[in-house]
């Protein structure tokens, strides 16, 4: 019941009775979403409250945690063009991981540029991760340090990397994410069962073998560049083997031949490809 309350109200229940004094410490859910203006006069006030709460709570296990990079104290009164994220954003993510969090939601800055994610995600307990408005700029993103991670949702994220590896991942959602224009990001997810790629920008990623893939939903809107006309000197395109369908060579569809259910949206050329290629034997749902 206490998990349903705002965190400051949950703490206030400690005055109800002696047996309630430390009950709030065992709340399995934390939502660090910024100050409620009715309760906190500034973001700095909220930061002090949360840091004090964390120090008293210790490393008791968490089931779920939601963390947002809300504007800092200097930006609290207005809406600047490039607000700075909360300075405790990274340390609170680390705290959640230390508390063996199982479900983690990270929300970056949705006003200015995306918030860069620099915290190494290392956890033996994380099962589900949801990320919004975050920028990832490492050459290689490796989730092998999260052996229990089965579900990843990324929305409005910038993925400026060469390769992403998800050894244990079963379900992947990439919605309105931006990939580089100069090269294709290689995604390795051998255990993937479900893939959703909607409205991506830049070159669509190059998918390595996914033998367990069952369900795929693709929205190849005008922002994405799925066509392949050969490597053209770009090493990241080598091996994509875009399947020829007239003048159209699709990078994604040629790597999804193991899928049982395929949903396609937009791109009439792609719909034609789905019916004329070797993958036409499985059910196709087309939403042009």
Protein backbone atom coordinates (compact mmCIF):
# COMPACT_ATOMS: atom_id res chain seq x y z
CA UNK A 1 0.00 0.00 0.00
CA UNK A 2 2.81 2.42 0.86
CA UNK A 3 4.34 1.81 -2.58
CA UNK A 4 1.32 3.52 -4.15
CA UNK A 5 1.98 6.78 -2.26
CA UNK A 6 4.41 9.54 -3.25
CA UNK A 7 7.64 8.81 -1.44
CA UNK A 8 7.44 11.81 0.91
CA UNK A 9 3.93 10.78 1.99
CA UNK A 10 5.08 7.22 2.58
CA UNK A 11 7.83 8.51 4.90
CA UNK A 12 5.28 10.60 6.81
CA UNK A 13 3.48 7.41 7.87
CA UNK A 14 6.36 6.81 10.30
CA UNK A 15 4.59 9.08 12.82
CA UNK A 16 1.36 7.04 12.87
CA UNK A 17 2.56 4.49 15.41
CA UNK A 18 5.70 2.86 16.74
CA UNK A 19 5.28 -0.19 14.49
CA UNK A 20 5.07 2.14 11.47
CA UNK A 21 8.28 3.99 12.29
CA UNK A 22 10.59 2.10 9.92
CA UNK A 23 8.02 0.43 7.67
CA UNK A 24 8.67 2.89 4.83
CA UNK A 25 12.24 1.60 4.48
CA UNK A 26 10.92 -1.69 3.11
CA UNK A 27 8.95 -0.12 0.26
CA UNK A 28 9.99 -2.13 -2.83
CA UNK A 29 9.27 0.75 -5.21
CA UNK A 30 11.02 4.14 -5.56
CA UNK A 31 10.04 6.91 -7.98
CA UNK A 32 12.59 9.73 -8.22
CA UNK A 33 10.67 11.95 -10.63
CA UNK A 34 11.46 15.40 -9.36
CA UNK A 35 9.83 17.72 -6.86
CA UNK A 36 6.14 18.15 -6.26
CA UNK A 37 5.84 21.94 -6.05
CA UNK A 38 3.19 21.66 -3.34
CA UNK A 39 5.62 19.83 -1.09
CA UNK A 40 9.11 21.04 -2.18
CA UNK A 41 10.09 24.63 -2.78
CA UNK A 42 12.85 23.73 -5.25
CA UNK A 43 14.59 20.85 -6.96
CA UNK A 44 17.48 21.31 -4.54
CA UNK A 45 15.10 20.79 -1.63
CA UNK A 46 13.85 17.57 -3.23
CA UNK A 47 17.43 16.38 -3.83
CA UNK A 48 18.33 16.85 -0.17
CA UNK A 49 15.22 14.95 0.90
CA UNK A 50 15.91 12.03 -1.44
CA UNK A 51 19.60 11.77 -0.54
CA UNK A 52 18.69 11.74 3.15
CA UNK A 53 16.04 9.08 2.51
CA UNK A 54 18.56 6.92 0.61
CA UNK A 55 21.13 7.19 3.40
CA UNK A 56 18.53 6.06 5.97
CA UNK A 57 17.07 3.34 3.74
CA UNK A 58 20.40 1.68 3.06
CA UNK A 59 20.68 -1.08 0.46
CA UNK A 60 17.42 -2.89 1.13
CA UNK A 61 16.22 -4.68 -2.04
CA UNK A 62 14.14 -2.88 -4.65
CA UNK A 63 11.69 -4.47 -7.06
CA UNK A 64 11.07 -1.38 -9.19
CA UNK A 65 12.66 2.06 -9.53
CA UNK A 66 11.94 5.03 -11.80
CA UNK A 67 14.50 7.85 -12.14
CA UNK A 68 14.14 11.09 -14.10
CA UNK A 69 16.74 13.71 -15.02
CA UNK A 70 14.54 16.66 -14.10
CA UNK A 71 15.83 20.27 -14.32
CA UNK A 72 18.30 21.44 -11.69
CA UNK A 73 17.70 24.18 -9.14
CA UNK A 74 18.98 26.93 -11.48
CA UNK A 75 16.44 25.88 -14.10
CA UNK A 76 13.56 25.27 -11.72
CA UNK A 77 11.77 28.58 -12.21
CA UNK A 78 12.01 28.69 -15.98
CA UNK A 79 12.41 26.65 -19.12
CA UNK A 80 15.90 27.30 -20.53
CA UNK A 81 16.92 26.17 -23.99
CA UNK A 82 19.43 23.64 -22.62
CA UNK A 83 18.54 22.73 -19.01
CA UNK A 84 21.09 20.73 -17.05
CA UNK A 85 19.98 17.33 -15.72
CA UNK A 86 19.81 16.56 -12.05
CA UNK A 87 23.39 16.15 -10.76
CA UNK A 88 22.38 13.04 -8.79
CA UNK A 89 20.92 11.29 -11.84
CA UNK A 90 23.88 8.91 -12.28
CA UNK A 91 24.39 8.20 -8.58
CA UNK A 92 20.70 7.33 -8.12
CA UNK A 93 20.91 4.83 -11.00
CA UNK A 94 23.92 3.25 -9.30
CA UNK A 95 22.00 3.14 -6.02
CA UNK A 96 19.09 1.30 -7.66
CA UNK A 97 21.49 -1.28 -9.11
CA UNK A 98 23.15 -1.75 -5.71
CA UNK A 99 19.68 -2.43 -4.28
CA UNK A 100 19.28 -5.33 -6.74
CA UNK A 101 16.47 -3.60 -8.61
CA UNK A 102 14.57 -5.89 -10.98
CA UNK A 103 12.60 -3.34 -13.02
CA UNK A 104 14.34 -0.04 -13.84
CA UNK A 105 12.98 2.95 -15.78
CA UNK A 106 15.34 5.79 -16.72
CA UNK A 107 14.01 9.07 -18.15
CA UNK A 108 16.52 11.57 -19.50
CA UNK A 109 16.06 15.23 -20.34
CA UNK A 110 13.04 15.64 -22.64
CA UNK A 111 13.43 19.42 -23.03
CA UNK A 112 16.94 19.91 -24.39
CA UNK A 113 19.33 17.35 -25.83
CA UNK A 114 19.22 13.75 -24.65
CA UNK A 115 20.91 12.96 -21.37
CA UNK A 116 24.08 10.93 -21.84
CA UNK A 117 23.98 7.57 -20.11
CA UNK A 118 27.43 7.01 -18.59
CA UNK A 119 26.59 4.64 -15.72
CA UNK A 120 27.76 1.06 -16.44
CA UNK A 121 24.69 -1.15 -16.17
CA UNK A 122 26.04 -4.12 -14.24
CA UNK A 123 23.48 -6.21 -12.40
CA UNK A 124 22.78 -9.86 -11.66
CA UNK A 125 19.15 -9.04 -10.86
CA UNK A 126 17.90 -6.59 -13.50
CA UNK A 127 15.10 -8.18 -15.55
CA UNK A 128 13.46 -5.25 -17.29
CA UNK A 129 14.94 -1.91 -18.41
CA UNK A 130 13.09 1.05 -19.94
CA UNK A 131 15.03 4.08 -21.19
CA UNK A 132 13.68 7.41 -22.55
CA UNK A 133 15.51 10.47 -23.95
CA UNK A 134 18.97 9.07 -23.37
CA UNK A 135 22.11 9.35 -25.49
CA UNK A 136 24.51 6.39 -25.76
CA UNK A 137 27.88 7.21 -27.35
CA UNK A 138 30.19 4.31 -26.50
CA UNK A 139 31.72 2.33 -29.38
CA UNK A 140 30.37 -0.92 -27.94
CA UNK A 141 27.38 -1.45 -25.63
CA UNK A 142 27.57 -4.81 -23.88
CA UNK A 143 24.77 -6.13 -21.64
CA UNK A 144 26.54 -9.39 -20.84
CA UNK A 145 26.90 -8.08 -17.26
CA UNK A 146 23.10 -8.29 -16.96
CA UNK A 147 22.50 -12.04 -17.41
CA UNK A 148 18.89 -11.84 -16.18
CA UNK A 149 17.84 -8.97 -18.48
CA UNK A 150 15.00 -10.17 -20.69
CA UNK A 151 13.16 -6.99 -21.67
CA UNK A 152 14.50 -3.67 -22.99
CA UNK A 153 12.46 -0.67 -24.13
CA UNK A 154 14.21 2.37 -25.63
CA UNK A 155 12.28 5.43 -26.80
CA UNK A 156 13.54 8.77 -28.17
CA UNK A 157 17.15 7.66 -27.66
CA UNK A 158 20.28 8.46 -29.65
CA UNK A 159 22.32 5.30 -30.29
CA UNK A 160 25.70 6.53 -31.55
CA UNK A 161 27.50 3.21 -31.16
CA UNK A 162 29.08 0.60 -33.44
CA UNK A 163 27.63 -2.49 -31.81
CA UNK A 164 25.07 -3.45 -29.18
CA UNK A 165 25.13 -6.90 -27.57
CA UNK A 166 22.23 -8.41 -25.60
CA UNK A 167 23.10 -12.07 -24.83
CA UNK A 168 20.04 -12.86 -22.68
CA UNK A 169 17.48 -10.42 -24.08
CA UNK A 170 14.13 -11.87 -25.22
CA UNK A 171 12.05 -8.76 -25.99
CA UNK A 172 13.36 -5.56 -27.56
CA UNK A 173 11.46 -2.34 -28.34
CA UNK A 174 13.18 0.52 -30.19
CA UNK A 175 10.74 3.38 -30.74
CA UNK A 176 11.62 6.73 -32.35
CA UNK A 177 15.33 6.15 -31.75
CA UNK A 178 18.05 7.76 -33.87
CA UNK A 179 20.84 5.70 -35.43
CA UNK A 180 23.92 7.12 -37.17
CA UNK A 181 23.70 8.27 -40.79
CA UNK A 182 27.29 7.26 -41.63
CA UNK A 183 27.21 3.58 -40.67
CA UNK A 184 24.95 0.77 -39.50
CA UNK A 185 24.83 -0.26 -35.86
CA UNK A 186 25.27 -4.02 -35.42
CA UNK A 187 22.83 -5.61 -32.94
CA UNK A 188 23.58 -9.03 -31.46
CA UNK A 189 20.69 -10.65 -29.58
CA UNK A 190 20.78 -14.43 -30.12
CA UNK A 191 18.04 -15.14 -27.54
CA UNK A 192 15.58 -12.57 -28.90
CA UNK A 193 11.97 -13.76 -29.29
CA UNK A 194 10.19 -10.46 -29.98
CA UNK A 195 11.42 -7.35 -31.83
CA UNK A 196 9.69 -4.01 -32.31
CA UNK A 197 11.39 -1.31 -34.38
CA UNK A 198 9.22 1.75 -35.00
CA UNK A 199 9.99 5.09 -36.66
CA UNK A 200 13.76 5.02 -36.37
CA UNK A 201 16.00 7.70 -37.84
CA UNK A 202 19.27 7.15 -39.69
CA UNK A 203 20.44 3.83 -41.11
CA UNK A 204 18.46 0.87 -39.82
CA UNK A 205 20.59 -1.50 -37.73
CA UNK A 206 22.26 -4.63 -39.02
CA UNK A 207 20.85 -7.62 -37.12
CA UNK A 208 22.96 -10.67 -36.41
CA UNK A 209 21.43 -14.16 -36.37
CA UNK A 210 18.30 -14.45 -34.21
CA UNK A 211 17.29 -18.13 -34.43
CA UNK A 212 14.58 -17.89 -31.75
CA UNK A 213 12.82 -14.84 -33.21
CA UNK A 214 9.05 -15.32 -33.28
CA UNK A 215 7.30 -11.93 -33.55
CA UNK A 216 8.45 -8.81 -35.38
CA UNK A 217 6.79 -5.41 -35.75
CA UNK A 218 8.41 -2.93 -38.15
CA UNK A 219 7.44 0.64 -38.93
CA UNK A 220 9.78 1.71 -41.73
CA UNK A 221 8.74 5.33 -41.99
CA UNK A 222 10.35 7.96 -44.17
CA UNK A 223 12.96 8.80 -41.50
CA UNK A 224 14.71 5.45 -41.62
CA UNK A 225 17.18 4.33 -44.26
CA UNK A 226 16.63 0.63 -44.76
CA UNK A 227 17.65 0.41 -48.42
CA UNK A 228 21.02 -1.09 -49.21
CA UNK A 229 22.76 -0.63 -52.57
CA UNK A 230 26.05 -2.27 -51.60
CA UNK A 231 28.72 -1.36 -49.09
CA UNK A 232 29.98 1.64 -51.06
CA UNK A 233 33.17 1.58 -49.04
CA UNK A 234 31.31 1.41 -45.71
CA UNK A 235 32.67 -1.56 -43.69
CA UNK A 236 29.56 -1.59 -41.49
CA UNK A 237 27.44 -2.61 -44.50
CA UNK A 238 29.54 -5.61 -45.42
CA UNK A 239 27.58 -8.81 -44.85
CA UNK A 240 24.14 -7.19 -44.74
CA UNK A 241 23.20 -9.00 -48.00
CA UNK A 242 20.18 -6.87 -48.75
CA UNK A 243 17.74 -9.10 -50.61
CA UNK A 244 17.02 -7.76 -54.12
CA UNK A 245 13.36 -6.96 -54.81
CA UNK A 246 13.46 -4.85 -57.94
CA UNK A 247 15.63 -1.86 -57.11
CA UNK A 248 14.92 -2.24 -53.40
CA UNK A 249 17.33 -4.04 -51.07
CA UNK A 250 16.03 -4.33 -47.52
CA UNK A 251 18.61 -4.78 -44.78
CA UNK A 252 16.12 -5.67 -42.04
CA UNK A 253 13.73 -8.02 -43.82
CA UNK A 254 16.48 -10.24 -45.13
CA UNK A 255 17.62 -11.04 -41.57
CA UNK A 256 14.13 -11.84 -40.23
CA UNK A 257 13.50 -15.08 -42.13
CA UNK A 258 13.09 -17.03 -38.87
CA UNK A 259 10.17 -14.90 -37.70
CA UNK A 260 6.75 -16.55 -37.43
CA UNK A 261 4.64 -13.36 -37.24
CA UNK A 262 5.59 -10.18 -39.07
CA UNK A 263 3.78 -6.85 -38.91
CA UNK A 264 4.76 -4.16 -41.41
CA UNK A 265 3.68 -0.52 -41.40
CA UNK A 266 4.16 2.12 -44.13
CA UNK A 267 6.56 1.78 -47.06
CA UNK A 268 4.48 0.15 -49.86
CA UNK A 269 7.74 -1.10 -51.43
CA UNK A 270 8.49 -3.10 -48.30
CA UNK A 271 5.02 -4.65 -48.26
CA UNK A 272 5.60 -5.92 -51.79
CA UNK A 273 8.93 -7.36 -50.72
CA UNK A 274 7.35 -9.31 -47.89
CA UNK A 275 5.04 -11.17 -50.26
CA UNK A 276 7.60 -11.87 -52.98
CA UNK A 277 10.54 -13.06 -50.89
CA UNK A 278 11.25 -16.35 -49.19
CA UNK A 279 9.59 -15.13 -45.97
CA UNK A 280 6.15 -15.06 -47.62
CA UNK A 281 5.33 -18.47 -46.10
CA UNK A 282 4.64 -17.03 -42.64
CA UNK A 283 1.68 -14.80 -41.68
CA UNK A 284 2.14 -11.14 -42.60
CA UNK A 285 0.02 -8.30 -41.23
CA UNK A 286 0.39 -5.23 -43.42
CA UNK A 287 -0.74 -1.77 -42.36
CA UNK A 288 0.21 0.59 -45.21
